[in-house]
C-alpha atoms as a PDB file:
ATOM      1  CA  MET A   1       8.644  -1.291  11.927  1.00  0.00           C
ATOM      2  CA  LEU A   2      10.460   1.608  10.341  1.00  0.00           C
ATOM      3  CA  ALA A   3      10.859   2.034   6.554  1.00  0.00           C
ATOM      4  CA  VAL A   4      12.404   4.557   4.170  1.00  0.00           C
ATOM      5  CA  LYS A   5      10.879   5.942   1.009  1.00  0.00           C
ATOM      6  CA  LEU A   6      13.108   7.500  -1.647  1.00  0.00           C
ATOM      7  CA  HIS A   7      11.299   9.907  -4.018  1.00  0.00           C
ATOM      8  CA  GLY A   8      11.792  12.835  -6.332  1.00  0.00           C
ATOM      9  CA  HIS A   9       9.129  15.255  -5.066  1.00  0.00           C
ATOM     10  CA  PRO A  10       8.645  16.743  -1.587  1.00  0.00           C
ATOM     11  CA  LYS A  11       5.480  14.733  -0.876  1.00  0.00           C
ATOM     12  CA  PRO A  12       6.155  10.939  -0.692  1.00  0.00           C
ATOM     13  CA  PRO A  13       3.880   8.653  -2.668  1.00  0.00           C
ATOM     14  CA  LEU A  14       2.612   6.277   0.034  1.00  0.00           C
ATOM     15  CA  GLY A  15      -0.396   4.662  -1.620  1.00  0.00           C
ATOM     16  CA  ARG A  16      -1.224   1.079  -2.411  1.00  0.00           C
ATOM     17  CA  GLY A  17       1.671  -0.647  -4.240  1.00  0.00           C
ATOM     18  CA  ALA A  18       4.290   1.920  -3.221  1.00  0.00           C
ATOM     19  CA  PHE A  19       7.539   0.272  -2.167  1.00  0.00           C
ATOM     20  CA  LEU A  20       9.765   1.247   0.757  1.00  0.00           C
ATOM     21  CA  ILE A  21      13.100   0.044   2.106  1.00  0.00           C
ATOM     22  CA  PRO A  22      12.408  -1.829   5.333  1.00  0.00           C
ATOM     23  CA  ILE A  23      14.633  -0.816   8.266  1.00  0.00           C
ATOM     24  CA  ILE A  24      14.998  -3.717  10.618  1.00  0.00           C
ATOM     25  CA  ASP A  25      18.124  -2.344  12.198  1.00  0.00           C
ATOM     26  CA  TRP A  26      20.149   0.734  11.319  1.00  0.00           C
ATOM     27  CA  LYS A  27      23.407  -1.199  10.696  1.00  0.00           C
ATOM     28  CA  SER A  28      22.071  -3.004   7.685  1.00  0.00           C
ATOM     29  CA  GLY A  29      19.479  -0.381   6.833  1.00  0.00           C
ATOM     30  CA  ARG A  30      22.126   2.243   6.298  1.00  0.00           C
ATOM     31  CA  VAL A  31      23.922   0.084   3.730  1.00  0.00           C
ATOM     32  CA  GLN A  32      20.681  -0.778   2.002  1.00  0.00           C
ATOM     33  CA  VAL A  33      19.573   2.828   1.694  1.00  0.00           C
ATOM     34  CA  ARG A  34      22.941   3.854   0.290  1.00  0.00           C
ATOM     35  CA  THR A  35      22.729   1.029  -2.262  1.00  0.00           C
ATOM     36  CA  TRP A  36      19.298   2.188  -3.363  1.00  0.00           C
ATOM     37  CA  LEU A  37      20.545   5.745  -3.665  1.00  0.00           C
ATOM     38  CA  ARG A  38      23.228   4.630  -6.131  1.00  0.00           C
ATOM     39  CA  TRP A  39      20.648   3.044  -8.414  1.00  0.00           C
ATOM     40  CA  TYR A  40      17.740   5.404  -8.011  1.00  0.00           C
ATOM     41  CA  LYS A  41      19.143   8.585  -9.566  1.00  0.00           C
ATOM     42  CA  ARG A  42      15.858  10.558  -9.546  1.00  0.00           C
ATOM     43  CA  ALA A  43      15.627  10.385  -5.743  1.00  0.00           C
ATOM     44  CA  ARG A  44      16.043  13.688  -4.009  1.00  0.00           C
ATOM     45  CA  TYR A  45      14.035  13.180  -0.859  1.00  0.00           C
ATOM     46  CA  LEU A  46      14.225  10.624   1.893  1.00  0.00           C
ATOM     47  CA  THR A  47      11.151   9.950   4.089  1.00  0.00           C
ATOM     48  CA  LEU A  48      11.188   7.918   7.248  1.00  0.00           C
ATOM     49  CA  VAL A  49       7.849   6.261   8.177  1.00  0.00           C
ATOM     50  CA  ARG A  50       6.576   3.884  10.858  1.00  0.00           C
ATOM     51  CA  ILE A  51       4.512   0.989   9.539  1.00  0.00           C
ATOM     52  CA  PRO A  52       1.752   0.011  12.029  1.00  0.00           C
ATOM     53  CA  ALA A  53       1.577  -3.729  12.927  1.00  0.00           C
ATOM     54  CA  ASP A  54      -1.920  -4.031  11.461  1.00  0.00           C
ATOM     55  CA  HIS A  55      -1.056  -2.389   8.118  1.00  0.00           C
ATOM     56  CA  PRO A  56      -1.114  -4.812   5.111  1.00  0.00           C
ATOM     57  CA  VAL A  57       2.300  -5.175   3.476  1.00  0.00           C
ATOM     58  CA  ARG A  58       4.370  -7.677   1.578  1.00  0.00           C
ATOM     59  CA  PHE A  59       8.157  -8.239   1.762  1.00  0.00           C
ATOM     60  CA  CYS A  60      10.062  -8.843  -1.481  1.00  0.00           C
ATOM     61  CA  PHE A  61      13.797  -9.651  -1.627  1.00  0.00           C
ATOM     62  CA  THR A  62      16.390 -12.186  -2.594  1.00  0.00           C
ATOM     63  CA  TYR A  63      18.896 -13.597  -0.146  1.00  0.00           C
ATOM     64  CA  GLY A  64      21.335 -16.457   0.411  1.00  0.00           C
ATOM     65  CA  PRO A  65      24.853 -17.491   1.098  1.00  0.00           C
ATOM     66  CA  SER A  66      26.145 -16.871  -2.412  1.00  0.00           C
ATOM     67  CA  ASN A  67      26.569 -13.928  -4.756  1.00  0.00           C
ATOM     68  CA  PHE A  68      25.516 -16.168  -7.618  1.00  0.00           C
ATOM     69  CA  ILE A  69      22.463 -18.114  -6.455  1.00  0.00           C
ATOM     70  CA  LYS A  70      19.988 -16.487  -4.127  1.00  0.00           C
ATOM     71  CA  GLN A  71      16.550 -17.479  -2.774  1.00  0.00           C
ATOM     72  CA  VAL A  72      13.763 -15.266  -4.097  1.00  0.00           C
ATOM     73  CA  VAL A  73      10.979 -14.187  -1.779  1.00  0.00           C
ATOM     74  CA  TRP A  74       8.339 -12.390  -3.828  1.00  0.00           C
ATOM     75  CA  PRO A  75       4.885 -13.178  -2.426  1.00  0.00           C
ATOM     76  CA  ALA A  76       1.738 -11.930  -4.140  1.00  0.00           C
ATOM     77  CA  GLU A  77      -0.403 -11.505  -1.017  1.00  0.00           C
ATOM     78  CA  TYR A  78      -0.577  -8.628   1.389  1.00  0.00           C
ATOM     79  CA  MET A  79      -0.860  -9.456   5.100  1.00  0.00           C
ATOM     80  CA  PRO A  80      -0.773  -7.348   8.253  1.00  0.00           C
ATOM     81  CA  LEU A  81       2.864  -6.716   9.269  1.00  0.00           C
ATOM     82  CA  ARG A  82       2.555  -8.743  12.474  1.00  0.00           C
ATOM     83  CA  GLU A  83       1.479 -11.887  10.558  1.00  0.00           C
ATOM     84  CA  TRP A  84       4.626 -12.209   8.390  1.00  0.00           C
ATOM     85  CA  PRO A  85       7.068 -15.001   9.381  1.00  0.00           C
ATOM     86  CA  ARG A  86       9.886 -13.735  11.632  1.00  0.00           C
ATOM     87  CA  GLU A  87      12.407 -15.241   9.170  1.00  0.00           C
ATOM     88  CA  TYR A  88      11.712 -12.484   6.603  1.00  0.00           C
ATOM     89  CA  PRO A  89      12.700  -9.539   8.772  1.00  0.00           C
ATOM     90  CA  GLN A  90      15.609 -11.576  10.168  1.00  0.00           C
ATOM     91  CA  ALA A  91      16.934 -12.218   6.603  1.00  0.00           C
ATOM     92  CA  ILE A  92      16.655  -8.503   5.822  1.00  0.00           C
ATOM     93  CA  ALA A  93      18.465  -7.509   9.022  1.00  0.00           C
ATOM     94  CA  THR A  94      21.350  -9.917   8.395  1.00  0.00           C
ATOM     95  CA  TRP A  95      24.399  -7.683   8.069  1.00  0.00           C
ATOM     96  CA  TRP A  96      25.789  -7.365   4.538  1.00  0.00           C
ATOM     97  CA  ASP A  97      29.298  -8.439   5.462  1.00  0.00           C
ATOM     98  CA  ALA A  98      28.147 -11.600   7.227  1.00  0.00           C
ATOM     99  CA  TRP A  99      30.788 -13.530   5.264  1.00  0.00           C
ATOM    100  CA  ARG A 100      33.254 -12.269   7.919  1.00  0.00           C
ATOM    101  CA  LEU A 101      31.456 -14.383  10.554  1.00  0.00           C
ATOM    102  CA  PRO A 102      33.203 -17.706  11.319  1.00  0.00           C
ATOM    103  CA  ARG A 103      30.820 -19.945   9.379  1.00  0.00           C
ATOM    104  CA  PRO A 104      32.153 -22.398   6.780  1.00  0.00           C
ATOM    105  CA  ASP A 105      28.833 -22.630   4.821  1.00  0.00           C
ATOM    106  CA  VAL A 106      28.864 -18.886   3.915  1.00  0.00           C
ATOM    107  CA  GLU A 107      30.536 -17.878   0.684  1.00  0.00           C
ATOM    108  CA  LEU A 108      32.026 -14.506  -0.154  1.00  0.00           C
ATOM    109  CA  GLY A 109      29.150 -11.994  -0.171  1.00  0.00           C
ATOM    110  CA  GLY A 110      27.542 -13.328   2.963  1.00  0.00           C
ATOM    111  CA  LEU A 111      23.891 -13.631   3.764  1.00  0.00           C
ATOM    112  CA  MET A 112      23.206 -10.294   2.142  1.00  0.00           C
ATOM    113  CA  VAL A 113      19.682  -9.286   1.288  1.00  0.00           C
ATOM    114  CA  TYR A 114      19.563  -7.842  -2.170  1.00  0.00           C
ATOM    115  CA  GLU A 115      17.233  -4.920  -2.845  1.00  0.00           C
ATOM    116  CA  PRO A 116      14.828  -5.400   0.081  1.00  0.00           C
ATOM    117  CA  ARG A 117      11.365  -3.973  -0.571  1.00  0.00           C
ATOM    118  CA  LEU A 118       8.298  -3.548   1.504  1.00  0.00           C
ATOM    119  CA  PHE A 119       5.126  -2.952  -0.603  1.00  0.00           C
ATOM    120  CA  LEU A 120       2.180  -1.211   0.930  1.00  0.00           C
ATOM    121  CA  GLY A 121      -1.257  -2.921   0.662  1.00  0.00           C
ATOM    122  CA  ARG A 122      -3.137   0.318   1.201  1.00  0.00           C
ATOM    123  CA  LYS A 123      -2.410   4.031   1.665  1.00  0.00           C
ATOM    124  CA  LEU A 124      -0.271   4.764   4.667  1.00  0.00           C
ATOM    125  CA  PRO A 125      -1.854   7.449   6.939  1.00  0.00           C
ATOM    126  CA  GLU A 126      -0.039  10.813   7.158  1.00  0.00           C
ATOM    127  CA  SER A 127       0.392  10.264  10.926  1.00  0.00           C
ATOM    128  CA  CYS A 128       2.858   7.476  10.136  1.00  0.00           C
ATOM    129  CA  VAL A 129       5.303   9.837   8.393  1.00  0.00           C
ATOM    130  CA  LYS A 130       8.129  10.759  10.808  1.00  0.00           C
ATOM    131  CA  TRP A 131      10.067  13.211   8.595  1.00  0.00           C
ATOM    132  CA  THR A 132      11.066  14.056   5.037  1.00  0.00           C
ATOM    133  CA  LYS A 133      14.522  15.388   4.205  1.00  0.00           C
ATOM    134  CA  ASP A 134      16.189  16.683   1.030  1.00  0.00           C
ATOM    135  CA  PHE A 135      19.235  14.496   1.346  1.00  0.00           C
ATOM    136  CA  ARG A 136      21.352  16.714  -0.950  1.00  0.00           C
ATOM    137  CA  LEU A 137      21.051  19.494   1.640  1.00  0.00           C
ATOM    138  CA  LEU A 138      22.232  17.082   4.286  1.00  0.00           C
ATOM    139  CA  TYR A 139      25.364  16.339   2.310  1.00  0.00           C
ATOM    140  CA  GLN A 140      26.042  20.077   1.659  1.00  0.00           C
ATOM    141  CA  SER A 141      25.834  20.988   5.367  1.00  0.00           C
ATOM    142  CA  ARG A 142      27.962  18.010   6.237  1.00  0.00           C
ATOM    143  CA  GLY A 143      30.760  19.216   3.901  1.00  0.00           C
ATOM    144  CA  ARG A 144      30.811  22.621   5.540  1.00  0.00           C
ATOM    145  CA  SER A 145      31.142  21.206   9.027  1.00  0.00           C
ATOM    146  CA  ARG A 146      34.388  19.479   7.973  1.00  0.00           C
ATOM    147  CA  GLY A 147      36.313  22.659   7.445  1.00  0.00           C
ATOM    148  CA  GLY A 148      34.636  24.084   4.373  1.00  0.00           C
ATOM    149  CA  GLN A 149      34.527  27.897   3.978  1.00  0.00           C
ATOM    150  CA  ASP A 150      31.183  29.695   4.307  1.00  0.00           C
ATOM    151  CA  PRO A 151      30.520  32.171   1.492  1.00  0.00           C
ATOM    152  CA  ASP A 152      29.801  34.972   3.978  1.00  0.00           C
END
């Protein structure tokens, strides 16, 4: 499984208890990362990691068919990633605008997962880190490619 860590220093804190944003699919993951970026103002770096199937983790999130009442999933135990019920990653992957689907039991807001978190049960090995980016540099280079003038 892939996950994203938002952090303020170049080296990501990936020890026991660190939380990451689980990326089940990029469609919902992109929305969830952008939402976290709005709330977490100290974040400057974005790190992509791969969580091994035998690594102990716990999923924490709220979800449901309403913007008002959600189901809370906040377990205390850490288990290897492969042992978690398949419903948890499925709930996280549910697209945020699921209310557009033709289902009468879904209210406005859809089956959105609110603030999904994956907590690490022990330190993640350095070999699991795919890359770390300063996302402000990504936005600057993106603006130049849309017709902005180079200072040279």
